[in-house]
PDB file of N, CA and C in Angstrom:
ATOM      1  N   MET A   1       0.783  -1.160   0.053  1.00  0.00           N
ATOM      2  CA  MET A   1       0.018   0.138   0.012  1.00  0.00           C
ATOM      3  C   MET A   1       0.957   1.139  -0.039  1.00  0.00           C
ATOM      4  N   SER A   2       0.634   2.131  -0.933  1.00  0.00           N
ATOM      5  CA  SER A   2       1.282   3.465  -1.099  1.00  0.00           C
ATOM      6  C   SER A   2       0.920   4.416   0.187  1.00  0.00           C
ATOM      7  N   THR A   3       1.951   5.196   0.499  1.00  0.00           N
ATOM      8  CA  THR A   3       1.618   6.245   1.555  1.00  0.00           C
ATOM      9  C   THR A   3       1.305   7.598   0.927  1.00  0.00           C
ATOM     10  N   LYS A   4       0.269   8.152   1.256  1.00  0.00           N
ATOM     11  CA  LYS A   4       0.040   9.527   0.801  1.00  0.00           C
ATOM     12  C   LYS A   4       0.076  10.573   1.954  1.00  0.00           C
ATOM     13  N   ILE A   5       0.883  11.574   1.927  1.00  0.00           N
ATOM     14  CA  ILE A   5       1.107  12.567   3.019  1.00  0.00           C
ATOM     15  C   ILE A   5       0.539  13.911   2.603  1.00  0.00           C
ATOM     16  N   ILE A   6      -0.363  14.368   3.361  1.00  0.00           N
ATOM     17  CA  ILE A   6      -0.903  15.819   2.936  1.00  0.00           C
ATOM     18  C   ILE A   6      -0.890  16.695   4.145  1.00  0.00           C
ATOM     19  N   THR A   7      -1.056  18.086   3.924  1.00  0.00           N
ATOM     20  CA  THR A   7      -0.929  18.953   5.030  1.00  0.00           C
ATOM     21  C   THR A   7      -2.383  19.320   5.349  1.00  0.00           C
ATOM     22  N   VAL A   8      -2.516  19.770   6.573  1.00  0.00           N
ATOM     23  CA  VAL A   8      -3.680  20.432   7.059  1.00  0.00           C
ATOM     24  C   VAL A   8      -4.290  21.486   5.998  1.00  0.00           C
ATOM     25  N   THR A   9      -3.393  22.228   5.627  1.00  0.00           N
ATOM     26  CA  THR A   9      -3.822  23.261   4.583  1.00  0.00           C
ATOM     27  C   THR A   9      -4.361  22.675   3.291  1.00  0.00           C
ATOM     28  N   GLU A  10      -3.644  21.706   2.830  1.00  0.00           N
ATOM     29  CA  GLU A  10      -4.061  20.918   1.639  1.00  0.00           C
ATOM     30  C   GLU A  10      -5.485  20.250   1.846  1.00  0.00           C
ATOM     31  N   LEU A  11      -5.677  19.483   3.084  1.00  0.00           N
ATOM     32  CA  LEU A  11      -6.910  19.195   3.578  1.00  0.00           C
ATOM     33  C   LEU A  11      -7.990  19.942   3.504  1.00  0.00           C
ATOM     34  N   LYS A  12      -7.928  21.350   4.171  1.00  0.00           N
ATOM     35  CA  LYS A  12      -8.834  22.289   3.944  1.00  0.00           C
ATOM     36  C   LYS A  12      -9.176  22.720   2.530  1.00  0.00           C
ATOM     37  N   THR A  13      -8.290  22.971   1.807  1.00  0.00           N
ATOM     38  CA  THR A  13      -8.568  23.593   0.484  1.00  0.00           C
ATOM     39  C   THR A  13      -8.935  22.467  -0.561  1.00  0.00           C
ATOM     40  N   ARG A  14      -8.697  21.206  -0.370  1.00  0.00           N
ATOM     41  CA  ARG A  14      -8.991  20.180  -1.290  1.00  0.00           C
ATOM     42  C   ARG A  14      -9.872  19.108  -0.818  1.00  0.00           C
ATOM     43  N   LEU A  15     -10.692  19.377   0.174  1.00  0.00           N
ATOM     44  CA  LEU A  15     -11.394  18.400   1.108  1.00  0.00           C
ATOM     45  C   LEU A  15     -12.394  17.457  -0.055  1.00  0.00           C
ATOM     46  N   GLY A  16     -13.053  18.222  -0.808  1.00  0.00           N
ATOM     47  CA  GLY A  16     -13.986  17.423  -1.614  1.00  0.00           C
ATOM     48  C   GLY A  16     -13.292  16.566  -2.697  1.00  0.00           C
ATOM     49  N   ARG A  17     -12.133  17.003  -3.214  1.00  0.00           N
ATOM     50  CA  ARG A  17     -11.385  16.249  -4.147  1.00  0.00           C
ATOM     51  C   ARG A  17     -10.678  15.125  -3.486  1.00  0.00           C
ATOM     52  N   LEU A  18     -10.163  15.352  -2.291  1.00  0.00           N
ATOM     53  CA  LEU A  18      -9.508  14.268  -1.494  1.00  0.00           C
ATOM     54  C   LEU A  18     -10.495  13.189  -1.058  1.00  0.00           C
ATOM     55  N   ILE A  19     -11.777  13.512  -0.719  1.00  0.00           N
ATOM     56  CA  ILE A  19     -12.661  12.518  -0.624  1.00  0.00           C
ATOM     57  C   ILE A  19     -12.916  11.683  -1.612  1.00  0.00           C
ATOM     58  N   ASP A  20     -13.094  12.286  -2.861  1.00  0.00           N
ATOM     59  CA  ASP A  20     -13.164  11.435  -4.056  1.00  0.00           C
ATOM     60  C   ASP A  20     -12.029  10.605  -4.311  1.00  0.00           C
ATOM     61  N   GLU A  21     -10.822  10.990  -4.049  1.00  0.00           N
ATOM     62  CA  GLU A  21      -9.577  10.185  -4.128  1.00  0.00           C
ATOM     63  C   GLU A  21      -9.744   8.969  -3.194  1.00  0.00           C
ATOM     64  N   LEU A  22     -10.110   9.364  -1.979  1.00  0.00           N
ATOM     65  CA  LEU A  22     -10.131   8.411  -1.005  1.00  0.00           C
ATOM     66  C   LEU A  22     -11.010   7.237  -1.367  1.00  0.00           C
ATOM     67  N   GLU A  23     -12.442   7.620  -2.011  1.00  0.00           N
ATOM     68  CA  GLU A  23     -13.276   6.692  -2.539  1.00  0.00           C
ATOM     69  C   GLU A  23     -12.707   5.793  -3.637  1.00  0.00           C
ATOM     70  N   GLU A  24     -12.047   6.490  -4.475  1.00  0.00           N
ATOM     71  CA  GLU A  24     -11.340   5.784  -5.644  1.00  0.00           C
ATOM     72  C   GLU A  24     -10.339   4.816  -5.265  1.00  0.00           C
ATOM     73  N   GLU A  25      -9.286   5.320  -4.482  1.00  0.00           N
ATOM     74  CA  GLU A  25      -8.110   4.581  -4.481  1.00  0.00           C
ATOM     75  C   GLU A  25      -8.245   3.717  -3.026  1.00  0.00           C
ATOM     76  N   GLY A  26      -8.810   4.352  -2.085  1.00  0.00           N
ATOM     77  CA  GLY A  26      -9.040   3.480  -0.789  1.00  0.00           C
ATOM     78  C   GLY A  26      -7.639   3.547   0.006  1.00  0.00           C
ATOM     79  N   THR A  27      -6.749   4.523  -0.238  1.00  0.00           N
ATOM     80  CA  THR A  27      -5.502   4.514   0.240  1.00  0.00           C
ATOM     81  C   THR A  27      -5.446   5.594   1.443  1.00  0.00           C
ATOM     82  N   PRO A  28      -5.224   5.230   2.636  1.00  0.00           N
ATOM     83  CA  PRO A  28      -5.266   6.256   3.716  1.00  0.00           C
ATOM     84  C   PRO A  28      -4.322   7.541   3.516  1.00  0.00           C
ATOM     85  N   MET A  29      -4.744   8.551   3.893  1.00  0.00           N
ATOM     86  CA  MET A  29      -3.797   9.789   3.840  1.00  0.00           C
ATOM     87  C   MET A  29      -3.516  10.299   5.034  1.00  0.00           C
ATOM     88  N   TYR A  30      -2.009  10.450   5.283  1.00  0.00           N
ATOM     89  CA  TYR A  30      -1.615  10.833   6.672  1.00  0.00           C
ATOM     90  C   TYR A  30      -1.520  12.441   6.459  1.00  0.00           C
ATOM     91  N   VAL A  31      -2.124  13.150   7.464  1.00  0.00           N
ATOM     92  CA  VAL A  31      -2.309  14.599   7.706  1.00  0.00           C
ATOM     93  C   VAL A  31      -1.280  15.077   8.546  1.00  0.00           C
ATOM     94  N   THR A  32      -0.528  15.934   8.010  1.00  0.00           N
ATOM     95  CA  THR A  32       0.547  16.711   8.887  1.00  0.00           C
ATOM     96  C   THR A  32       0.327  18.029   8.943  1.00  0.00           C
ATOM     97  N   GLN A  33       0.811  18.551  10.242  1.00  0.00           N
ATOM     98  CA  GLN A  33       0.711  19.994  10.442  1.00  0.00           C
ATOM     99  C   GLN A  33       2.214  20.445  11.022  1.00  0.00           C
ATOM    100  N   HIS A  34       2.816  21.386  10.340  1.00  0.00           N
ATOM    101  CA  HIS A  34       3.931  21.822  10.720  1.00  0.00           C
ATOM    102  C   HIS A  34       5.135  20.700  10.658  1.00  0.00           C
ATOM    103  N   GLY A  35       4.912  19.721   9.823  1.00  0.00           N
ATOM    104  CA  GLY A  35       5.700  18.632   9.547  1.00  0.00           C
ATOM    105  C   GLY A  35       5.557  17.378  10.454  1.00  0.00           C
ATOM    106  N   LYS A  36       4.556  17.526  11.264  1.00  0.00           N
ATOM    107  CA  LYS A  36       4.331  16.353  12.184  1.00  0.00           C
ATOM    108  C   LYS A  36       2.979  15.795  12.070  1.00  0.00           C
ATOM    109  N   PRO A  37       2.851  14.424  12.180  1.00  0.00           N
ATOM    110  CA  PRO A  37       1.648  13.796  11.968  1.00  0.00           C
ATOM    111  C   PRO A  37       0.479  14.225  13.018  1.00  0.00           C
ATOM    112  N   LYS A  38      -0.525  14.462  12.435  1.00  0.00           N
ATOM    113  CA  LYS A  38      -1.878  14.983  13.362  1.00  0.00           C
ATOM    114  C   LYS A  38      -2.929  14.061  13.186  1.00  0.00           C
ATOM    115  N   ALA A  39      -3.144  13.420  11.913  1.00  0.00           N
ATOM    116  CA  ALA A  39      -4.285  12.546  11.780  1.00  0.00           C
ATOM    117  C   ALA A  39      -4.267  11.652  10.542  1.00  0.00           C
ATOM    118  N   VAL A  40      -5.114  10.728  10.442  1.00  0.00           N
ATOM    119  CA  VAL A  40      -5.010   9.806   9.214  1.00  0.00           C
ATOM    120  C   VAL A  40      -6.584   9.877   8.813  1.00  0.00           C
ATOM    121  N   PHE A  41      -6.540  10.143   7.381  1.00  0.00           N
ATOM    122  CA  PHE A  41      -7.893  10.292   6.731  1.00  0.00           C
ATOM    123  C   PHE A  41      -7.943   9.231   5.950  1.00  0.00           C
ATOM    124  N   THR A  42      -8.984   8.325   6.437  1.00  0.00           N
ATOM    125  CA  THR A  42      -9.195   6.899   5.776  1.00  0.00           C
ATOM    126  C   THR A  42     -10.628   6.732   5.473  1.00  0.00           C
ATOM    127  N   PRO A  43     -10.936   5.788   4.632  1.00  0.00           N
ATOM    128  CA  PRO A  43     -12.377   5.424   4.264  1.00  0.00           C
ATOM    129  C   PRO A  43     -13.033   4.814   5.333  1.00  0.00           C
ATOM    130  N   TYR A  44     -14.252   5.267   5.612  1.00  0.00           N
ATOM    131  CA  TYR A  44     -14.960   4.922   6.613  1.00  0.00           C
ATOM    132  C   TYR A  44     -15.003   3.432   7.087  1.00  0.00           C
ATOM    133  N   ASP A  45     -15.252   2.611   5.953  1.00  0.00           N
ATOM    134  CA  ASP A  45     -15.430   1.138   6.157  1.00  0.00           C
ATOM    135  C   ASP A  45     -14.142   0.465   6.716  1.00  0.00           C
ATOM    136  N   LYS A  46     -12.961   1.067   6.257  1.00  0.00           N
ATOM    137  CA  LYS A  46     -11.887   0.627   6.743  1.00  0.00           C
ATOM    138  C   LYS A  46     -11.516   1.024   8.267  1.00  0.00           C
ATOM    139  N   TYR A  47     -11.934   2.214   8.520  1.00  0.00           N
ATOM    140  CA  TYR A  47     -11.997   2.677   9.912  1.00  0.00           C
ATOM    141  C   TYR A  47     -12.769   1.567  10.889  1.00  0.00           C
ATOM    142  N   GLU A  48     -13.929   1.375  10.420  1.00  0.00           N
ATOM    143  CA  GLU A  48     -14.890   0.552  11.122  1.00  0.00           C
ATOM    144  C   GLU A  48     -14.452  -0.750  11.307  1.00  0.00           C
ATOM    145  N   ALA A  49     -13.693  -1.352  10.319  1.00  0.00           N
ATOM    146  CA  ALA A  49     -13.193  -2.763  10.341  1.00  0.00           C
ATOM    147  C   ALA A  49     -12.059  -2.747  11.289  1.00  0.00           C
ATOM    148  N   LEU A  50     -11.312  -1.680  11.363  1.00  0.00           N
ATOM    149  CA  LEU A  50     -10.124  -1.551  12.350  1.00  0.00           C
ATOM    150  C   LEU A  50     -10.719  -1.546  13.733  1.00  0.00           C
ATOM    151  N   VAL A  51     -11.665  -0.639  14.041  1.00  0.00           N
ATOM    152  CA  VAL A  51     -12.153  -0.566  15.309  1.00  0.00           C
ATOM    153  C   VAL A  51     -12.773  -1.945  15.740  1.00  0.00           C
ATOM    154  N   GLN A  52     -13.362  -2.696  14.952  1.00  0.00           N
ATOM    155  CA  GLN A  52     -13.942  -4.030  15.219  1.00  0.00           C
ATOM    156  C   GLN A  52     -12.898  -4.964  15.602  1.00  0.00           C
ATOM    157  N   LYS A  53     -11.793  -4.925  14.798  1.00  0.00           N
ATOM    158  CA  LYS A  53     -10.627  -5.805  15.161  1.00  0.00           C
ATOM    159  C   LYS A  53     -10.097  -5.564  16.427  1.00  0.00           C
ATOM    160  N   ILE A  54      -9.895  -4.245  16.853  1.00  0.00           N
ATOM    161  CA  ILE A  54      -9.502  -3.863  18.229  1.00  0.00           C
ATOM    162  C   ILE A  54     -10.387  -4.418  19.189  1.00  0.00           C
ATOM    163  N   GLU A  55     -11.733  -4.247  19.144  1.00  0.00           N
ATOM    164  CA  GLU A  55     -12.602  -4.617  20.104  1.00  0.00           C
ATOM    165  C   GLU A  55     -12.688  -6.091  20.118  1.00  0.00           C
ATOM    166  N   ASP A  56     -12.363  -6.751  19.080  1.00  0.00           N
ATOM    167  CA  ASP A  56     -12.414  -8.337  19.126  1.00  0.00           C
ATOM    168  C   ASP A  56     -11.147  -8.859  19.776  1.00  0.00           C
ATOM    169  N   LEU A  57      -9.959  -8.101  19.637  1.00  0.00           N
ATOM    170  CA  LEU A  57      -8.799  -8.464  20.311  1.00  0.00           C
ATOM    171  C   LEU A  57      -8.848  -8.142  21.669  1.00  0.00           C
ATOM    172  N   GLN A  58      -9.439  -7.029  22.125  1.00  0.00           N
ATOM    173  CA  GLN A  58      -9.483  -6.765  23.487  1.00  0.00           C
ATOM    174  C   GLN A  58     -10.374  -7.887  24.260  1.00  0.00           C
ATOM    175  N   ASP A  59     -11.360  -8.340  23.637  1.00  0.00           N
ATOM    176  CA  ASP A  59     -12.311  -9.299  24.099  1.00  0.00           C
ATOM    177  C   ASP A  59     -11.506 -10.670  24.281  1.00  0.00           C
ATOM    178  N   LEU A  60     -10.696 -10.970  23.166  1.00  0.00           N
ATOM    179  CA  LEU A  60     -10.031 -12.186  23.266  1.00  0.00           C
ATOM    180  C   LEU A  60      -8.871 -12.150  24.456  1.00  0.00           C
ATOM    181  N   LEU A  61      -8.296 -11.081  24.614  1.00  0.00           N
ATOM    182  CA  LEU A  61      -7.295 -10.795  25.685  1.00  0.00           C
ATOM    183  C   LEU A  61      -7.817 -10.966  27.052  1.00  0.00           C
ATOM    184  N   ALA A  62      -9.082 -10.431  27.197  1.00  0.00           N
ATOM    185  CA  ALA A  62      -9.887 -10.634  28.384  1.00  0.00           C
ATOM    186  C   ALA A  62     -10.374 -11.891  28.729  1.00  0.00           C
ATOM    187  N   MET A  63     -10.698 -12.573  27.723  1.00  0.00           N
ATOM    188  CA  MET A  63     -11.045 -14.029  27.879  1.00  0.00           C
ATOM    189  C   MET A  63      -9.924 -14.904  28.259  1.00  0.00           C
ATOM    190  N   ARG A  64      -8.736 -14.732  27.694  1.00  0.00           N
ATOM    191  CA  ARG A  64      -7.613 -15.443  28.040  1.00  0.00           C
ATOM    192  C   ARG A  64      -7.116 -15.069  29.482  1.00  0.00           C
ATOM    193  N   GLU A  65      -7.265 -13.857  29.842  1.00  0.00           N
ATOM    194  CA  GLU A  65      -6.828 -13.520  31.162  1.00  0.00           C
ATOM    195  C   GLU A  65      -7.808 -14.210  32.280  1.00  0.00           C
ATOM    196  N   ALA A  66      -9.163 -14.244  31.830  1.00  0.00           N
ATOM    197  CA  ALA A  66     -10.020 -14.899  32.729  1.00  0.00           C
ATOM    198  C   ALA A  66      -9.875 -16.265  32.832  1.00  0.00           C
ATOM    199  N   LEU A  67      -9.498 -16.852  31.810  1.00  0.00           N
ATOM    200  CA  LEU A  67      -9.234 -18.356  31.775  1.00  0.00           C
ATOM    201  C   LEU A  67      -7.977 -18.804  32.674  1.00  0.00           C
ATOM    202  N   SER A  68      -6.970 -17.892  32.579  1.00  0.00           N
ATOM    203  CA  SER A  68      -5.795 -18.137  33.309  1.00  0.00           C
ATOM    204  C   SER A  68      -5.809 -17.743  34.690  1.00  0.00           C
ATOM    205  N   ALA A  69      -6.879 -16.967  35.023  1.00  0.00           N
ATOM    206  CA  ALA A  69      -6.888 -16.651  36.495  1.00  0.00           C
ATOM    207  C   ALA A  69      -7.438 -17.686  37.420  1.00  0.00           C
ATOM    208  N   PRO A  70      -7.058 -17.710  38.576  1.00  0.00           N
ATOM    209  CA  PRO A  70      -7.633 -18.748  39.578  1.00  0.00           C
ATOM    210  C   PRO A  70      -9.037 -18.610  39.683  1.00  0.00           C
ATOM    211  N   GLU A  71      -9.786 -19.655  39.995  1.00  0.00           N
ATOM    212  CA  GLU A  71     -11.171 -19.827  39.998  1.00  0.00           C
ATOM    213  C   GLU A  71     -11.728 -18.568  40.779  1.00  0.00           C
ATOM    214  N   ASN A  72     -11.386 -18.310  41.775  1.00  0.00           N
ATOM    215  CA  ASN A  72     -11.911 -17.317  42.577  1.00  0.00           C
ATOM    216  C   ASN A  72     -11.588 -15.846  42.054  1.00  0.00           C
ATOM    217  N   GLU A  73     -10.771 -15.636  41.113  1.00  0.00           N
ATOM    218  CA  GLU A  73     -10.569 -14.377  40.546  1.00  0.00           C
ATOM    219  C   GLU A  73     -11.054 -14.103  39.345  1.00  0.00           C
ATOM    220  N   SER A  74     -11.676 -15.269  38.756  1.00  0.00           N
ATOM    221  CA  SER A  74     -12.134 -15.135  37.292  1.00  0.00           C
ATOM    222  C   SER A  74     -13.719 -14.247  37.284  1.00  0.00           C
ATOM    223  N   VAL A  75     -14.131 -13.965  36.345  1.00  0.00           N
ATOM    224  CA  VAL A  75     -15.336 -13.112  36.205  1.00  0.00           C
ATOM    225  C   VAL A  75     -16.180 -13.715  35.035  1.00  0.00           C
ATOM    226  N   THR A  76     -17.502 -13.752  34.906  1.00  0.00           N
ATOM    227  CA  THR A  76     -18.295 -14.302  33.741  1.00  0.00           C
ATOM    228  C   THR A  76     -18.164 -13.219  32.887  1.00  0.00           C
ATOM    229  N   LEU A  77     -18.487 -13.617  31.606  1.00  0.00           N
ATOM    230  CA  LEU A  77     -18.501 -12.654  30.378  1.00  0.00           C
ATOM    231  C   LEU A  77     -19.491 -11.628  30.839  1.00  0.00           C
ATOM    232  N   TYR A  78     -20.650 -11.832  31.362  1.00  0.00           N
ATOM    233  CA  TYR A  78     -21.561 -10.882  31.720  1.00  0.00           C
ATOM    234  C   TYR A  78     -20.980  -9.732  32.588  1.00  0.00           C
ATOM    235  N   GLU A  79     -20.226 -10.160  33.624  1.00  0.00           N
ATOM    236  CA  GLU A  79     -19.527  -9.230  34.485  1.00  0.00           C
ATOM    237  C   GLU A  79     -18.547  -8.363  33.891  1.00  0.00           C
ATOM    238  N   TYR A  80     -17.856  -9.036  32.918  1.00  0.00           N
ATOM    239  CA  TYR A  80     -16.797  -8.335  32.098  1.00  0.00           C
ATOM    240  C   TYR A  80     -17.500  -7.280  31.348  1.00  0.00           C
ATOM    241  N   GLU A  81     -18.250  -7.669  30.562  1.00  0.00           N
ATOM    242  CA  GLU A  81     -19.001  -6.667  29.664  1.00  0.00           C
ATOM    243  C   GLU A  81     -19.700  -5.508  30.511  1.00  0.00           C
ATOM    244  N   ARG A  82     -20.309  -5.772  31.538  1.00  0.00           N
ATOM    245  CA  ARG A  82     -20.978  -4.779  32.445  1.00  0.00           C
ATOM    246  C   ARG A  82     -19.758  -3.800  32.990  1.00  0.00           C
ATOM    247  N   GLY A  83     -18.595  -4.373  33.353  1.00  0.00           N
ATOM    248  CA  GLY A  83     -17.552  -3.534  33.811  1.00  0.00           C
ATOM    249  C   GLY A  83     -16.800  -2.671  32.572  1.00  0.00           C
ATOM    250  N   ARG A  84     -16.980  -3.407  31.475  1.00  0.00           N
ATOM    251  CA  ARG A  84     -16.247  -2.623  30.416  1.00  0.00           C
ATOM    252  C   ARG A  84     -17.129  -1.486  30.011  1.00  0.00           C
ATOM    253  N   LYS A  85     -18.394  -1.458  30.153  1.00  0.00           N
ATOM    254  CA  LYS A  85     -19.421  -0.299  29.735  1.00  0.00           C
ATOM    255  C   LYS A  85     -19.323   0.899  30.711  1.00  0.00           C
ATOM    256  N   SER A  86     -18.858   0.679  31.978  1.00  0.00           N
ATOM    257  CA  SER A  86     -18.766   1.718  32.834  1.00  0.00           C
ATOM    258  C   SER A  86     -17.529   2.432  32.804  1.00  0.00           C
TER     259      SER A  86
END
């Protein structure tokens, strides 16, 4: 995957065209300000897929931790989910 780097100024002035490019190419764009990375401009479906993967990995890690814990320290999935939402 190629890397595209744009500035905040370019993002402001070319937003509509950059959205079109994003839809056509699907390549994330790294947004910089004063030469430093500030954001990533990416297709929504790729962002949602990434968030879902992170949540799945967090759930897997929590389940592994619960399974390796002594019986009196483990929690049910319901307890874990309830604690995660608060």
